């Protein structure tokens, strides 16, 4: 009888240990999932805040600014729901909600034609990277159903055109500098790359067509300049060889 009771107690303890372990694992999984969710939203918040800080470097529409602020608000709201005991998240949520209310979409649209390419090449690269990240964020919000399809197409098209403009202008600028330094081969490579960037566009804008004409003209001019340079080099080489022959066969002086 006692033996049976002991066996029953042992089995009960084993079952209890299994249950406690299962509950503990479940709690740990919940905490792990919560940490992963928080990390995901934290990344979204940091990325969106960086985008909002850097959009002053290139023309962005008021509608796109509102999309970014709303994206930031959604991420902070999700973090506050995951951590309801956090007063910091609740305060940050209130501050972000207030900022979203103050974002106006009635501001005049920025004209892309007024955009000036920075002189520093690293700043230009940073601009291109920023636009790519902005397009990724916009596409993400559209996939979630938080951006109207027509608005998404309009904004993505503007960003694509701006990215093209920066790429082409940067390459043309490098080509112009190389040409001024008489590095015609390098200049031709930059112009050809810019032309290939334009030709890769499925739909060409007026800007793209204008730059295509300019690049085609410059490449034709460089081809002529290279021909002239090669002809001058050939004549100079022939003259030098002729001078060498004259020296070789001139009458020897008698001493």
Protein backbone atom coordinates (compact mmCIF):
# COMPACT_ATOMS: atom_id res chain seq x y z
CA UNK A 1 0.00 0.00 0.00
CA UNK A 2 2.76 2.42 0.98
CA UNK A 3 4.73 1.40 -2.09
CA UNK A 4 1.75 2.22 -4.30
CA UNK A 5 1.39 5.63 -2.65
CA UNK A 6 5.09 6.36 -3.16
CA UNK A 7 4.88 5.40 -6.84
CA UNK A 8 1.81 7.60 -7.24
CA UNK A 9 3.58 10.51 -5.57
CA UNK A 10 6.64 10.05 -7.78
CA UNK A 11 4.47 9.99 -10.90
CA UNK A 12 2.59 13.06 -9.67
CA UNK A 13 5.87 14.89 -9.07
CA UNK A 14 7.14 13.95 -12.53
CA UNK A 15 3.89 15.13 -14.13
CA UNK A 16 4.03 18.33 -12.07
CA UNK A 17 7.63 18.94 -13.12
CA UNK A 18 6.68 18.40 -16.76
CA UNK A 19 3.77 20.83 -16.41
CA UNK A 20 5.94 23.45 -14.67
CA UNK A 21 8.64 23.04 -17.32
CA UNK A 22 6.05 23.38 -20.11
CA UNK A 23 4.59 26.49 -18.51
CA UNK A 24 8.08 27.95 -18.06
CA UNK A 25 8.96 27.23 -21.69
CA UNK A 26 5.70 28.80 -22.80
CA UNK A 27 6.45 31.93 -20.77
CA UNK A 28 9.97 32.09 -22.17
CA UNK A 29 8.59 31.74 -25.72
CA UNK A 30 6.12 34.54 -25.09
CA UNK A 31 8.91 36.74 -23.73
CA UNK A 32 11.16 35.83 -26.66
CA UNK A 33 8.40 36.62 -29.17
CA UNK A 34 7.76 39.91 -27.39
CA UNK A 35 11.45 40.83 -27.53
CA UNK A 36 11.57 39.96 -31.23
CA UNK A 37 8.47 42.06 -31.90
CA UNK A 38 9.90 44.96 -29.93
CA UNK A 39 13.19 44.70 -31.82
CA UNK A 40 11.31 44.73 -35.14
CA UNK A 41 9.29 47.80 -34.22
CA UNK A 42 12.35 49.50 -32.73
CA UNK A 43 14.16 49.01 -36.05
CA UNK A 44 11.18 50.52 -37.88
CA UNK A 45 11.14 53.51 -35.52
CA UNK A 46 14.88 54.17 -35.87
CA UNK A 47 14.79 53.77 -39.65
CA UNK A 48 11.76 56.06 -40.02
CA UNK A 49 13.24 58.71 -37.72
CA UNK A 50 16.44 58.69 -39.79
CA UNK A 51 14.41 59.08 -42.98
CA UNK A 52 12.51 62.01 -41.49
CA UNK A 53 15.77 63.67 -40.45
CA UNK A 54 17.32 63.27 -43.91
CA UNK A 55 14.41 64.19 -46.17
CA UNK A 56 15.47 67.82 -46.01
CA UNK A 57 18.35 66.89 -48.32
CA UNK A 58 16.08 66.22 -51.30
CA UNK A 59 12.61 67.27 -52.45
CA UNK A 60 9.84 65.23 -50.81
CA UNK A 61 6.09 65.77 -51.04
CA UNK A 62 3.98 66.62 -47.95
CA UNK A 63 1.99 63.43 -48.56
CA UNK A 64 5.13 61.30 -48.26
CA UNK A 65 6.13 63.10 -45.06
CA UNK A 66 2.71 62.25 -43.60
CA UNK A 67 3.15 58.60 -44.61
CA UNK A 68 6.46 58.48 -42.73
CA UNK A 69 4.98 60.09 -39.61
CA UNK A 70 2.06 57.66 -39.69
CA UNK A 71 4.50 54.75 -40.08
CA UNK A 72 6.37 56.00 -37.03
CA UNK A 73 3.12 56.34 -35.07
CA UNK A 74 2.00 52.80 -35.93
CA UNK A 75 5.31 51.33 -34.79
CA UNK A 76 5.33 53.23 -31.48
CA UNK A 77 1.67 52.33 -30.87
CA UNK A 78 2.53 48.64 -31.34
CA UNK A 79 5.45 48.98 -28.90
CA UNK A 80 3.19 50.65 -26.32
CA UNK A 81 0.69 47.80 -26.64
CA UNK A 82 3.43 45.23 -26.10
CA UNK A 83 4.73 47.13 -23.06
CA UNK A 84 1.63 48.73 -21.48
CA UNK A 85 3.50 49.24 -18.20
CA UNK A 86 6.07 51.51 -19.86
CA UNK A 87 5.40 55.20 -19.18
CA UNK A 88 8.09 56.15 -21.71
CA UNK A 89 6.24 54.44 -24.56
CA UNK A 90 2.93 56.02 -23.54
CA UNK A 91 4.48 59.50 -23.49
CA UNK A 92 6.24 58.92 -26.77
CA UNK A 93 2.98 57.73 -28.29
CA UNK A 94 1.21 60.95 -27.21
CA UNK A 95 4.03 63.09 -28.63
CA UNK A 96 3.97 61.25 -31.96
CA UNK A 97 0.20 61.50 -32.21
CA UNK A 98 0.48 65.24 -31.74
CA UNK A 99 3.12 65.52 -34.47
CA UNK A 100 0.96 63.58 -36.90
CA UNK A 101 -1.93 65.98 -36.25
CA UNK A 102 0.34 68.91 -37.06
CA UNK A 103 1.58 67.51 -40.38
CA UNK A 104 -0.04 69.45 -43.19
CA UNK A 105 -0.47 68.04 -46.68
CA UNK A 106 -1.59 71.43 -47.98
CA UNK A 107 1.96 72.73 -48.35
CA UNK A 108 3.12 73.55 -51.89
CA UNK A 109 4.75 70.71 -53.78
CA UNK A 110 8.53 70.87 -54.05
CA UNK A 111 9.81 71.29 -57.58
CA UNK A 112 12.39 68.64 -58.48
CA UNK A 113 13.91 71.07 -60.98
CA UNK A 114 15.12 73.22 -58.06
CA UNK A 115 17.17 70.37 -56.64
CA UNK A 116 20.94 70.92 -56.75
CA UNK A 117 23.37 68.04 -56.67
CA UNK A 118 25.85 68.27 -53.75
CA UNK A 119 29.50 68.85 -54.58
CA UNK A 120 30.75 66.07 -52.32
CA UNK A 121 30.61 62.63 -53.93
CA UNK A 122 30.00 60.90 -50.59
CA UNK A 123 26.99 63.15 -50.00
CA UNK A 124 25.66 62.16 -53.42
CA UNK A 125 26.02 58.46 -52.59
CA UNK A 126 24.25 59.05 -49.27
CA UNK A 127 21.40 60.75 -51.15
CA UNK A 128 20.94 57.78 -53.47
CA UNK A 129 20.98 55.36 -50.53
CA UNK A 130 18.45 57.53 -48.70
CA UNK A 131 16.08 57.51 -51.65
CA UNK A 132 16.35 53.72 -51.96
CA UNK A 133 15.48 53.32 -48.27
CA UNK A 134 12.60 55.75 -48.67
CA UNK A 135 11.20 53.75 -51.58
CA UNK A 136 11.54 50.53 -49.56
CA UNK A 137 9.63 52.08 -46.64
CA UNK A 138 6.94 53.39 -49.00
CA UNK A 139 6.59 49.97 -50.63
CA UNK A 140 6.33 48.32 -47.21
CA UNK A 141 3.48 50.62 -46.15
CA UNK A 142 1.72 50.03 -49.46
CA UNK A 143 2.01 46.25 -48.99
CA UNK A 144 0.41 46.61 -45.54
CA UNK A 145 -2.51 48.40 -47.18
CA UNK A 146 -1.78 51.71 -45.44
CA UNK A 147 -1.08 53.72 -48.60
CA UNK A 148 -3.58 54.31 -51.37
CA UNK A 149 -2.41 52.55 -54.59
CA UNK A 150 -2.68 55.73 -56.67
CA UNK A 151 -0.70 57.72 -54.10
CA UNK A 152 1.89 54.96 -53.93
CA UNK A 153 2.36 54.96 -57.70
CA UNK A 154 2.65 58.76 -57.78
CA UNK A 155 5.20 58.95 -54.95
CA UNK A 156 7.25 55.97 -56.12
CA UNK A 157 7.39 57.42 -59.63
CA UNK A 158 8.65 60.76 -58.25
CA UNK A 159 11.33 59.05 -56.18
CA UNK A 160 12.38 56.94 -59.16
CA UNK A 161 12.69 60.07 -61.32
CA UNK A 162 14.68 61.81 -58.59
CA UNK A 163 17.01 58.84 -58.24
CA UNK A 164 17.54 58.83 -62.00
CA UNK A 165 18.26 62.56 -62.00
CA UNK A 166 20.87 62.23 -59.23
CA UNK A 167 22.56 59.26 -60.93
CA UNK A 168 22.70 60.92 -64.35
CA UNK A 169 23.77 64.34 -63.06
CA UNK A 170 26.50 62.78 -60.94
CA UNK A 171 27.89 60.79 -63.87
CA UNK A 172 27.71 63.79 -66.20
CA UNK A 173 29.50 65.91 -63.61
CA UNK A 174 32.32 63.38 -63.37
CA UNK A 175 32.45 63.15 -67.14
CA UNK A 176 32.71 66.93 -67.48
CA UNK A 177 35.56 67.07 -64.96
CA UNK A 178 37.42 64.27 -66.74
CA UNK A 179 36.93 66.00 -70.08
CA UNK A 180 38.25 69.29 -68.73
CA UNK A 181 41.33 67.41 -67.51
CA UNK A 182 41.76 65.95 -71.02
CA UNK A 183 41.00 62.46 -69.72
CA UNK A 184 38.81 61.73 -72.71
CA UNK A 185 38.68 57.96 -72.21
CA UNK A 186 37.37 58.32 -68.65
CA UNK A 187 34.94 61.03 -69.74
CA UNK A 188 33.54 58.76 -72.43
CA UNK A 189 33.03 55.96 -69.87
CA UNK A 190 31.08 58.26 -67.54
CA UNK A 191 28.90 59.57 -70.37
CA UNK A 192 28.25 56.06 -71.68
CA UNK A 193 27.25 54.89 -68.20
CA UNK A 194 24.87 57.83 -67.83
CA UNK A 195 23.36 57.06 -71.23
CA UNK A 196 22.92 53.39 -70.29
CA UNK A 197 21.15 54.48 -67.06
CA UNK A 198 18.67 56.50 -69.12
CA UNK A 199 18.17 53.73 -71.69
CA UNK A 200 17.34 51.28 -68.88
CA UNK A 201 14.20 53.30 -68.02
CA UNK A 202 10.98 51.72 -69.26
CA UNK A 203 9.30 55.12 -69.59
CA UNK A 204 11.40 58.18 -70.36
CA UNK A 205 10.56 61.61 -69.04
CA UNK A 206 11.24 64.91 -70.75
CA UNK A 207 14.32 65.28 -68.55
CA UNK A 208 15.61 61.84 -69.63
CA UNK A 209 15.09 62.62 -73.33
CA UNK A 210 16.86 65.96 -72.97
CA UNK A 211 19.86 64.43 -71.21
CA UNK A 212 19.99 61.61 -73.79
CA UNK A 213 20.40 64.18 -76.58
CA UNK A 214 23.12 66.02 -74.62
CA UNK A 215 25.01 62.81 -73.83
CA UNK A 216 24.82 61.60 -77.41
CA UNK A 217 26.23 64.93 -78.58
CA UNK A 218 29.06 64.86 -76.04
CA UNK A 219 30.00 61.31 -76.93
CA UNK A 220 30.14 62.27 -80.60
CA UNK A 221 32.35 65.26 -79.75
CA UNK A 222 34.66 63.08 -77.67
CA UNK A 223 34.94 60.60 -80.53
CA UNK A 224 36.06 63.41 -82.81
CA UNK A 225 38.47 64.75 -80.17
CA UNK A 226 39.98 61.30 -79.74
CA UNK A 227 40.40 60.98 -83.51
CA UNK A 228 42.14 64.35 -83.66
CA UNK A 229 44.33 63.47 -80.68
CA UNK A 230 45.29 60.14 -82.24
CA UNK A 231 46.06 61.86 -85.55
CA UNK A 232 48.26 64.42 -83.78
CA UNK A 233 50.05 61.65 -81.91
CA UNK A 234 50.59 59.76 -85.17
CA UNK A 235 52.02 62.83 -86.90
CA UNK A 236 54.23 63.63 -83.93
CA UNK A 237 55.51 60.07 -83.83
CA UNK A 238 56.21 60.13 -87.58
CA UNK A 239 58.05 63.46 -87.23
CA UNK A 240 60.12 62.11 -84.35
CA UNK A 241 61.04 59.02 -86.36
CA UNK A 242 61.98 61.20 -89.32
CA UNK A 243 64.22 63.33 -87.09
CA UNK A 244 65.87 60.17 -85.78
CA UNK A 245 66.56 59.02 -89.35
CA UNK A 246 68.00 62.41 -90.27
CA UNK A 247 70.37 62.20 -87.34
CA UNK A 248 71.33 58.65 -88.21
CA UNK A 249 72.10 59.30 -91.88
CA UNK A 250 73.45 62.82 -91.77
CA UNK A 251 77.04 63.24 -93.04
CA UNK A 252 79.62 62.44 -90.42
CA UNK A 253 81.93 65.26 -89.43
CA UNK A 254 85.63 64.83 -90.04
CA UNK A 255 87.78 65.74 -87.14
